[in-house]
Amino acid sequence: MTIPKIGDKAPDFTSPTDDGSELTLSGLRGNIVVLYFYPRAGTPSCTKEACSFRDNMIRLSGMGVKVVGVSTDSVKRQSGFKAKNELQFPLIADTEQNVVTLYNVLKSETSSAQRSTFLIDREGIIRFVWPKVRVPGHVDEIISKIEELKL
């Protein structure tokens, strides 16, 4: 199985989030979606990445962007991570590894997600993929790509 690529329909899923509710990707149609995967809630790089999204939410929201974070952490861990860092976007608790498998970003040696990001347009089509994300400057790259693609 290969990682979904530009032009593919984003694989749909329904999965539990940090507050115990379920999120269905197709339920976000009509919005630009930044679906980002990270290895472990609360670790230094994952915290920096999440806080970078948080700190740019006004800008992203103004562009019609919904941010969704995904890791294989539990609902409880995701909830604590979200509260501690005052995150304003849902975090998927992919404990069954369904979403990371669907997007082929599961690191088998650690059973965690490969740090990667998918930019999905309003119709549910993948418009850009960052298969191995470097945290510094990543959110700026996403914003530039949205502007470049005129999404």
N, C-alpha and C. Protein backbone atom coordinates (compact mmCIF):
# COMPACT_ATOMS: atom_id res chain seq x y z
N MET A 1 0.86 -1.19 0.00
CA MET A 1 0.00 0.00 0.00
C MET A 1 0.90 1.24 0.00
N THR A 2 0.54 2.18 -0.83
CA THR A 2 1.34 3.40 -0.92
C THR A 2 0.59 4.55 -0.24
N ILE A 3 1.34 5.56 0.08
CA ILE A 3 0.77 6.76 0.69
C ILE A 3 -0.15 7.43 -0.34
N PRO A 4 -1.34 7.91 0.05
CA PRO A 4 -2.19 8.64 -0.90
C PRO A 4 -1.41 9.80 -1.49
N LYS A 5 -1.69 10.09 -2.76
CA LYS A 5 -0.91 11.12 -3.45
C LYS A 5 -1.78 12.25 -3.98
N ILE A 6 -1.13 13.28 -4.46
CA ILE A 6 -1.82 14.44 -5.02
C ILE A 6 -2.77 13.97 -6.11
N GLY A 7 -4.02 14.46 -6.03
CA GLY A 7 -5.04 14.11 -7.01
C GLY A 7 -5.94 12.97 -6.56
N ASP A 8 -5.51 12.21 -5.55
CA ASP A 8 -6.35 11.13 -5.02
C ASP A 8 -7.46 11.72 -4.16
N LYS A 9 -8.58 10.99 -4.11
CA LYS A 9 -9.61 11.33 -3.15
C LYS A 9 -9.08 10.95 -1.78
N ALA A 10 -9.20 11.85 -0.82
CA ALA A 10 -8.69 11.58 0.53
C ALA A 10 -9.49 10.42 1.13
N PRO A 11 -8.79 9.39 1.60
CA PRO A 11 -9.51 8.27 2.22
C PRO A 11 -10.36 8.74 3.40
N ASP A 12 -11.64 8.37 3.37
CA ASP A 12 -12.56 8.80 4.42
C ASP A 12 -12.42 7.90 5.64
N PHE A 13 -12.74 8.44 6.79
CA PHE A 13 -12.69 7.67 8.03
C PHE A 13 -13.62 8.31 9.05
N THR A 14 -13.99 7.54 10.03
CA THR A 14 -14.67 8.01 11.22
C THR A 14 -13.86 7.49 12.39
N SER A 15 -13.47 8.39 13.27
CA SER A 15 -12.57 7.99 14.36
C SER A 15 -12.85 8.83 15.60
N PRO A 16 -12.56 8.28 16.80
CA PRO A 16 -12.77 9.04 18.03
C PRO A 16 -11.77 10.19 18.15
N THR A 17 -12.25 11.25 18.80
CA THR A 17 -11.39 12.43 19.02
C THR A 17 -11.11 12.61 20.51
N ASP A 18 -10.35 13.65 20.79
CA ASP A 18 -9.91 13.96 22.15
C ASP A 18 -11.05 14.14 23.15
N ASP A 19 -12.25 14.53 22.69
CA ASP A 19 -13.37 14.74 23.62
C ASP A 19 -14.32 13.54 23.66
N GLY A 20 -13.94 12.44 22.99
CA GLY A 20 -14.76 11.24 23.00
C GLY A 20 -15.79 11.19 21.90
N SER A 21 -15.98 12.30 21.18
CA SER A 21 -16.91 12.28 20.05
C SER A 21 -16.20 11.65 18.84
N GLU A 22 -16.95 11.47 17.76
CA GLU A 22 -16.34 10.92 16.54
C GLU A 22 -16.27 11.98 15.47
N LEU A 23 -15.23 11.94 14.68
CA LEU A 23 -15.05 12.85 13.56
C LEU A 23 -15.01 12.01 12.28
N THR A 24 -15.78 12.45 11.29
CA THR A 24 -15.76 11.83 9.97
C THR A 24 -15.15 12.84 9.01
N LEU A 25 -14.12 12.43 8.29
CA LEU A 25 -13.43 13.36 7.39
C LEU A 25 -14.39 13.96 6.37
N SER A 26 -15.24 13.14 5.77
CA SER A 26 -16.16 13.66 4.75
C SER A 26 -17.13 14.69 5.33
N GLY A 27 -17.31 14.69 6.64
CA GLY A 27 -18.16 15.70 7.28
C GLY A 27 -17.56 17.09 7.25
N LEU A 28 -16.29 17.19 6.88
CA LEU A 28 -15.61 18.49 6.79
C LEU A 28 -15.59 19.04 5.37
N ARG A 29 -16.24 18.35 4.43
CA ARG A 29 -16.28 18.84 3.04
C ARG A 29 -16.81 20.26 3.01
N GLY A 30 -16.30 21.02 2.06
CA GLY A 30 -16.63 22.44 1.98
C GLY A 30 -15.57 23.30 2.65
N ASN A 31 -14.69 22.64 3.39
CA ASN A 31 -13.55 23.30 4.04
C ASN A 31 -12.26 22.75 3.45
N ILE A 32 -11.22 23.54 3.52
CA ILE A 32 -9.88 23.01 3.27
C ILE A 32 -9.48 22.29 4.56
N VAL A 33 -8.93 21.10 4.43
CA VAL A 33 -8.54 20.34 5.62
C VAL A 33 -7.04 20.11 5.60
N VAL A 34 -6.41 20.42 6.73
CA VAL A 34 -5.03 20.06 6.96
C VAL A 34 -5.08 18.88 7.92
N LEU A 35 -4.78 17.69 7.39
CA LEU A 35 -4.77 16.47 8.18
C LEU A 35 -3.31 16.16 8.48
N TYR A 36 -2.94 16.34 9.75
CA TYR A 36 -1.53 16.14 10.07
C TYR A 36 -1.37 15.00 11.08
N PHE A 37 -0.37 14.19 10.83
CA PHE A 37 -0.07 13.02 11.66
C PHE A 37 1.19 13.32 12.47
N TYR A 38 1.18 12.90 13.72
CA TYR A 38 2.34 13.10 14.59
C TYR A 38 2.54 11.86 15.46
N PRO A 39 3.79 11.59 15.85
CA PRO A 39 4.09 10.34 16.55
C PRO A 39 3.50 10.20 17.95
N ARG A 40 3.64 11.21 18.82
CA ARG A 40 3.25 11.01 20.21
C ARG A 40 2.90 12.34 20.87
N ALA A 41 1.69 12.44 21.38
CA ALA A 41 1.24 13.65 22.08
C ALA A 41 2.13 13.93 23.28
N GLY A 42 2.51 15.19 23.43
CA GLY A 42 3.27 15.62 24.59
C GLY A 42 4.77 15.59 24.44
N THR A 43 5.27 15.00 23.36
CA THR A 43 6.72 15.00 23.15
C THR A 43 7.13 16.38 22.61
N PRO A 44 8.40 16.75 22.74
CA PRO A 44 8.81 18.12 22.37
C PRO A 44 8.45 18.52 20.93
N SER A 45 8.80 17.72 19.94
CA SER A 45 8.53 18.11 18.55
C SER A 45 7.04 18.13 18.25
N CYS A 46 6.30 17.17 18.81
CA CYS A 46 4.85 17.14 18.58
C CYS A 46 4.17 18.33 19.22
N THR A 47 4.67 18.74 20.38
CA THR A 47 4.12 19.92 21.06
C THR A 47 4.43 21.18 20.25
N LYS A 48 5.66 21.30 19.76
CA LYS A 48 6.01 22.47 18.93
C LYS A 48 5.12 22.54 17.69
N GLU A 49 4.90 21.40 17.05
CA GLU A 49 4.08 21.38 15.84
C GLU A 49 2.64 21.78 16.15
N ALA A 50 2.05 21.18 17.18
CA ALA A 50 0.67 21.50 17.55
C ALA A 50 0.52 22.97 17.92
N CYS A 51 1.48 23.49 18.68
CA CYS A 51 1.42 24.89 19.09
C CYS A 51 1.61 25.84 17.91
N SER A 52 2.34 25.42 16.91
CA SER A 52 2.48 26.23 15.70
C SER A 52 1.15 26.33 14.97
N PHE A 53 0.41 25.22 14.89
CA PHE A 53 -0.94 25.30 14.32
C PHE A 53 -1.82 26.20 15.18
N ARG A 54 -1.76 26.02 16.50
CA ARG A 54 -2.56 26.85 17.41
C ARG A 54 -2.27 28.33 17.20
N ASP A 55 -0.99 28.67 17.12
CA ASP A 55 -0.60 30.07 17.01
C ASP A 55 -0.96 30.70 15.66
N ASN A 56 -1.29 29.86 14.69
CA ASN A 56 -1.67 30.35 13.35
C ASN A 56 -3.14 30.11 13.03
N MET A 57 -3.95 29.76 14.05
CA MET A 57 -5.35 29.40 13.79
C MET A 57 -6.18 30.54 13.22
N ILE A 58 -5.94 31.76 13.65
CA ILE A 58 -6.73 32.87 13.11
C ILE A 58 -6.47 32.98 11.61
N ARG A 59 -5.23 32.90 11.24
CA ARG A 59 -4.86 32.97 9.82
C ARG A 59 -5.44 31.79 9.03
N LEU A 60 -5.29 30.60 9.58
CA LEU A 60 -5.80 29.40 8.90
C LEU A 60 -7.32 29.42 8.80
N SER A 61 -7.99 29.76 9.89
CA SER A 61 -9.45 29.81 9.88
C SER A 61 -9.95 30.83 8.86
N GLY A 62 -9.25 31.94 8.76
CA GLY A 62 -9.61 32.98 7.79
C GLY A 62 -9.50 32.50 6.35
N MET A 63 -8.72 31.46 6.13
CA MET A 63 -8.57 30.87 4.79
C MET A 63 -9.56 29.73 4.57
N GLY A 64 -10.40 29.46 5.57
CA GLY A 64 -11.36 28.36 5.44
C GLY A 64 -10.77 27.00 5.74
N VAL A 65 -9.71 26.98 6.56
CA VAL A 65 -8.99 25.74 6.86
C VAL A 65 -9.47 25.14 8.19
N LYS A 66 -9.69 23.84 8.17
CA LYS A 66 -9.92 23.06 9.38
C LYS A 66 -8.68 22.20 9.59
N VAL A 67 -8.11 22.25 10.78
CA VAL A 67 -6.94 21.45 11.13
C VAL A 67 -7.41 20.25 11.94
N VAL A 68 -6.86 19.09 11.60
CA VAL A 68 -7.16 17.87 12.34
C VAL A 68 -5.83 17.15 12.58
N GLY A 69 -5.52 16.90 13.86
CA GLY A 69 -4.31 16.18 14.21
C GLY A 69 -4.63 14.71 14.46
N VAL A 70 -3.70 13.83 14.12
CA VAL A 70 -3.90 12.38 14.29
C VAL A 70 -2.65 11.75 14.90
N SER A 71 -2.84 10.99 15.96
CA SER A 71 -1.78 10.12 16.47
C SER A 71 -2.44 8.86 17.01
N THR A 72 -1.63 7.90 17.37
CA THR A 72 -2.15 6.63 17.89
C THR A 72 -2.35 6.68 19.40
N ASP A 73 -2.29 7.86 19.98
CA ASP A 73 -2.50 8.03 21.41
C ASP A 73 -3.96 7.82 21.80
N SER A 74 -4.19 7.55 23.08
CA SER A 74 -5.53 7.34 23.61
C SER A 74 -6.32 8.66 23.66
N VAL A 75 -7.63 8.52 23.81
CA VAL A 75 -8.49 9.70 23.97
C VAL A 75 -8.02 10.51 25.18
N LYS A 76 -7.71 9.84 26.28
CA LYS A 76 -7.28 10.53 27.49
C LYS A 76 -5.99 11.32 27.26
N ARG A 77 -5.03 10.69 26.59
CA ARG A 77 -3.75 11.39 26.34
C ARG A 77 -3.97 12.58 25.39
N GLN A 78 -4.78 12.37 24.34
CA GLN A 78 -5.07 13.46 23.40
C GLN A 78 -5.79 14.61 24.11
N SER A 79 -6.73 14.26 24.97
CA SER A 79 -7.49 15.28 25.70
C SER A 79 -6.57 16.11 26.59
N GLY A 80 -5.68 15.45 27.31
CA GLY A 80 -4.73 16.16 28.17
C GLY A 80 -3.78 17.04 27.38
N PHE A 81 -3.31 16.52 26.25
CA PHE A 81 -2.41 17.27 25.36
C PHE A 81 -3.11 18.52 24.83
N LYS A 82 -4.35 18.35 24.41
CA LYS A 82 -5.13 19.48 23.88
C LYS A 82 -5.35 20.55 24.96
N ALA A 83 -5.75 20.11 26.14
CA ALA A 83 -6.02 21.07 27.23
C ALA A 83 -4.75 21.79 27.66
N LYS A 84 -3.68 21.05 27.85
CA LYS A 84 -2.42 21.64 28.33
C LYS A 84 -1.89 22.70 27.37
N ASN A 85 -2.09 22.47 26.06
CA ASN A 85 -1.54 23.39 25.06
C ASN A 85 -2.59 24.32 24.45
N GLU A 86 -3.80 24.28 25.00
CA GLU A 86 -4.89 25.16 24.55
C GLU A 86 -5.10 25.09 23.05
N LEU A 87 -5.19 23.87 22.53
CA LEU A 87 -5.39 23.66 21.10
C LEU A 87 -6.87 23.83 20.76
N GLN A 88 -7.15 24.46 19.61
CA GLN A 88 -8.53 24.75 19.22
C GLN A 88 -9.00 23.86 18.08
N PHE A 89 -8.39 22.72 17.87
CA PHE A 89 -8.76 21.84 16.77
C PHE A 89 -8.80 20.41 17.28
N PRO A 90 -9.56 19.55 16.61
CA PRO A 90 -9.69 18.17 17.09
C PRO A 90 -8.43 17.34 16.88
N LEU A 91 -8.23 16.42 17.84
CA LEU A 91 -7.14 15.46 17.77
C LEU A 91 -7.75 14.06 17.72
N ILE A 92 -7.43 13.33 16.67
CA ILE A 92 -7.93 11.96 16.51
C ILE A 92 -7.12 11.04 17.41
N ALA A 93 -7.81 10.19 18.14
CA ALA A 93 -7.19 9.16 18.98
C ALA A 93 -7.27 7.84 18.20
N ASP A 94 -6.28 7.60 17.37
CA ASP A 94 -6.28 6.46 16.45
C ASP A 94 -5.64 5.22 17.10
N THR A 95 -6.19 4.81 18.23
CA THR A 95 -5.61 3.70 18.98
C THR A 95 -5.68 2.38 18.21
N GLU A 96 -6.66 2.24 17.34
CA GLU A 96 -6.79 1.01 16.53
C GLU A 96 -5.92 1.07 15.27
N GLN A 97 -5.25 2.20 15.06
CA GLN A 97 -4.35 2.42 13.92
C GLN A 97 -5.06 2.34 12.56
N ASN A 98 -6.35 2.64 12.55
CA ASN A 98 -7.11 2.60 11.30
C ASN A 98 -6.73 3.73 10.35
N VAL A 99 -6.64 4.95 10.90
CA VAL A 99 -6.38 6.12 10.05
C VAL A 99 -4.93 6.12 9.58
N VAL A 100 -3.99 5.82 10.47
CA VAL A 100 -2.58 5.79 10.06
C VAL A 100 -2.34 4.70 9.02
N THR A 101 -3.08 3.61 9.12
CA THR A 101 -2.96 2.54 8.12
C THR A 101 -3.58 2.97 6.80
N LEU A 102 -4.74 3.60 6.86
CA LEU A 102 -5.43 4.08 5.66
C LEU A 102 -4.56 5.06 4.86
N TYR A 103 -3.82 5.89 5.57
CA TYR A 103 -2.94 6.88 4.93
C TYR A 103 -1.50 6.36 4.78
N ASN A 104 -1.29 5.13 5.19
CA ASN A 104 0.01 4.46 5.08
C ASN A 104 1.15 5.27 5.72
N VAL A 105 0.89 5.75 6.93
CA VAL A 105 1.90 6.52 7.66
C VAL A 105 2.24 5.87 9.01
N LEU A 106 1.93 4.59 9.16
CA LEU A 106 2.24 3.88 10.40
C LEU A 106 3.70 3.46 10.40
N LYS A 107 4.41 3.85 11.46
CA LYS A 107 5.80 3.39 11.63
C LYS A 107 5.71 2.09 12.43
N SER A 108 5.90 0.97 11.74
CA SER A 108 5.68 -0.34 12.37
C SER A 108 6.61 -0.58 13.56
N GLU A 109 7.82 -0.03 13.51
CA GLU A 109 8.77 -0.28 14.60
C GLU A 109 8.35 0.38 15.91
N THR A 110 7.53 1.42 15.84
CA THR A 110 7.10 2.11 17.05
C THR A 110 5.58 2.12 17.22
N SER A 111 4.84 1.60 16.24
CA SER A 111 3.37 1.63 16.25
C SER A 111 2.83 3.05 16.41
N SER A 112 3.57 4.02 15.87
CA SER A 112 3.14 5.41 15.93
C SER A 112 3.08 5.96 14.49
N ALA A 113 2.57 7.18 14.37
CA ALA A 113 2.45 7.80 13.06
C ALA A 113 3.77 8.43 12.62
N GLN A 114 4.05 8.33 11.33
CA GLN A 114 5.14 9.08 10.71
C GLN A 114 4.68 10.53 10.63
N ARG A 115 5.49 11.47 11.04
CA ARG A 115 5.11 12.88 10.97
C ARG A 115 4.92 13.27 9.51
N SER A 116 3.68 13.51 9.13
CA SER A 116 3.34 13.82 7.74
C SER A 116 2.06 14.64 7.71
N THR A 117 1.82 15.32 6.59
CA THR A 117 0.66 16.20 6.47
C THR A 117 0.05 16.07 5.08
N PHE A 118 -1.29 16.08 5.06
CA PHE A 118 -2.06 16.03 3.81
C PHE A 118 -2.91 17.29 3.73
N LEU A 119 -2.82 17.99 2.61
CA LEU A 119 -3.64 19.17 2.34
C LEU A 119 -4.78 18.72 1.43
N ILE A 120 -6.00 18.85 1.93
CA ILE A 120 -7.19 18.33 1.25
C ILE A 120 -8.09 19.51 0.88
N ASP A 121 -8.53 19.55 -0.38
CA ASP A 121 -9.35 20.68 -0.81
C ASP A 121 -10.81 20.52 -0.39
N ARG A 122 -11.63 21.49 -0.75
CA ARG A 122 -13.03 21.55 -0.32
C ARG A 122 -13.87 20.39 -0.86
N GLU A 123 -13.39 19.74 -1.92
CA GLU A 123 -14.12 18.60 -2.50
C GLU A 123 -13.58 17.26 -2.00
N GLY A 124 -12.58 17.29 -1.12
CA GLY A 124 -12.04 16.05 -0.57
C GLY A 124 -10.91 15.44 -1.37
N ILE A 125 -10.27 16.25 -2.23
CA ILE A 125 -9.15 15.78 -3.05
C ILE A 125 -7.83 16.23 -2.41
N ILE A 126 -6.88 15.31 -2.36
CA ILE A 126 -5.56 15.66 -1.82
C ILE A 126 -4.85 16.57 -2.81
N ARG A 127 -4.46 17.74 -2.34
CA ARG A 127 -3.80 18.72 -3.20
C ARG A 127 -2.30 18.81 -2.97
N PHE A 128 -1.84 18.38 -1.78
CA PHE A 128 -0.41 18.35 -1.52
C PHE A 128 -0.14 17.40 -0.37
N VAL A 129 1.05 16.80 -0.38
CA VAL A 129 1.46 15.86 0.67
C VAL A 129 2.88 16.21 1.12
N TRP A 130 3.04 16.28 2.42
CA TRP A 130 4.37 16.39 3.03
C TRP A 130 4.61 15.04 3.73
N PRO A 131 5.33 14.12 3.08
CA PRO A 131 5.46 12.77 3.65
C PRO A 131 6.37 12.68 4.87
N LYS A 132 7.31 13.58 4.99
CA LYS A 132 8.20 13.59 6.17
C LYS A 132 8.41 15.04 6.57
N VAL A 133 7.65 15.45 7.55
CA VAL A 133 7.61 16.86 7.95
C VAL A 133 8.78 17.22 8.87
N ARG A 134 9.34 18.39 8.59
CA ARG A 134 10.27 19.05 9.52
C ARG A 134 9.44 20.15 10.18
N VAL A 135 9.39 20.12 11.50
CA VAL A 135 8.48 21.00 12.24
C VAL A 135 8.75 22.49 12.03
N PRO A 136 10.00 22.98 12.16
CA PRO A 136 10.20 24.43 12.01
C PRO A 136 9.76 24.93 10.62
N GLY A 137 8.85 25.90 10.62
CA GLY A 137 8.40 26.49 9.37
C GLY A 137 7.31 25.71 8.63
N HIS A 138 6.89 24.58 9.18
CA HIS A 138 5.93 23.75 8.45
C HIS A 138 4.58 24.44 8.22
N VAL A 139 4.06 25.09 9.24
CA VAL A 139 2.76 25.75 9.08
C VAL A 139 2.86 26.87 8.04
N ASP A 140 3.97 27.59 8.02
CA ASP A 140 4.17 28.61 6.98
C ASP A 140 4.19 27.98 5.59
N GLU A 141 4.81 26.81 5.46
CA GLU A 141 4.81 26.09 4.17
C GLU A 141 3.39 25.75 3.74
N ILE A 142 2.58 25.31 4.69
CA ILE A 142 1.19 24.95 4.38
C ILE A 142 0.43 26.18 3.91
N ILE A 143 0.56 27.27 4.63
CA ILE A 143 -0.14 28.51 4.24
C ILE A 143 0.31 28.97 2.86
N SER A 144 1.60 28.92 2.59
CA SER A 144 2.12 29.30 1.26
C SER A 144 1.55 28.40 0.17
N LYS A 145 1.45 27.10 0.45
CA LYS A 145 0.92 26.16 -0.54
C LYS A 145 -0.56 26.42 -0.80
N ILE A 146 -1.33 26.72 0.23
CA ILE A 146 -2.75 27.05 0.06
C ILE A 146 -2.88 28.29 -0.83
N GLU A 147 -2.05 29.30 -0.57
CA GLU A 147 -2.10 30.52 -1.38
C GLU A 147 -1.65 30.24 -2.82
N GLU A 148 -0.61 29.46 -2.97
CA GLU A 148 -0.10 29.12 -4.31
C GLU A 148 -1.14 28.36 -5.13
N LEU A 149 -1.83 27.42 -4.49
CA LEU A 149 -2.83 26.62 -5.20
C LEU A 149 -4.18 27.34 -5.33
N LYS A 150 -4.28 28.51 -4.68
CA LYS A 150 -5.51 29.31 -4.70
C LYS A 150 -6.71 28.48 -4.24
N LEU A 151 -6.53 27.79 -3.14
CA LEU A 151 -7.61 26.93 -2.60
C LEU A 151 -8.65 27.75 -1.87
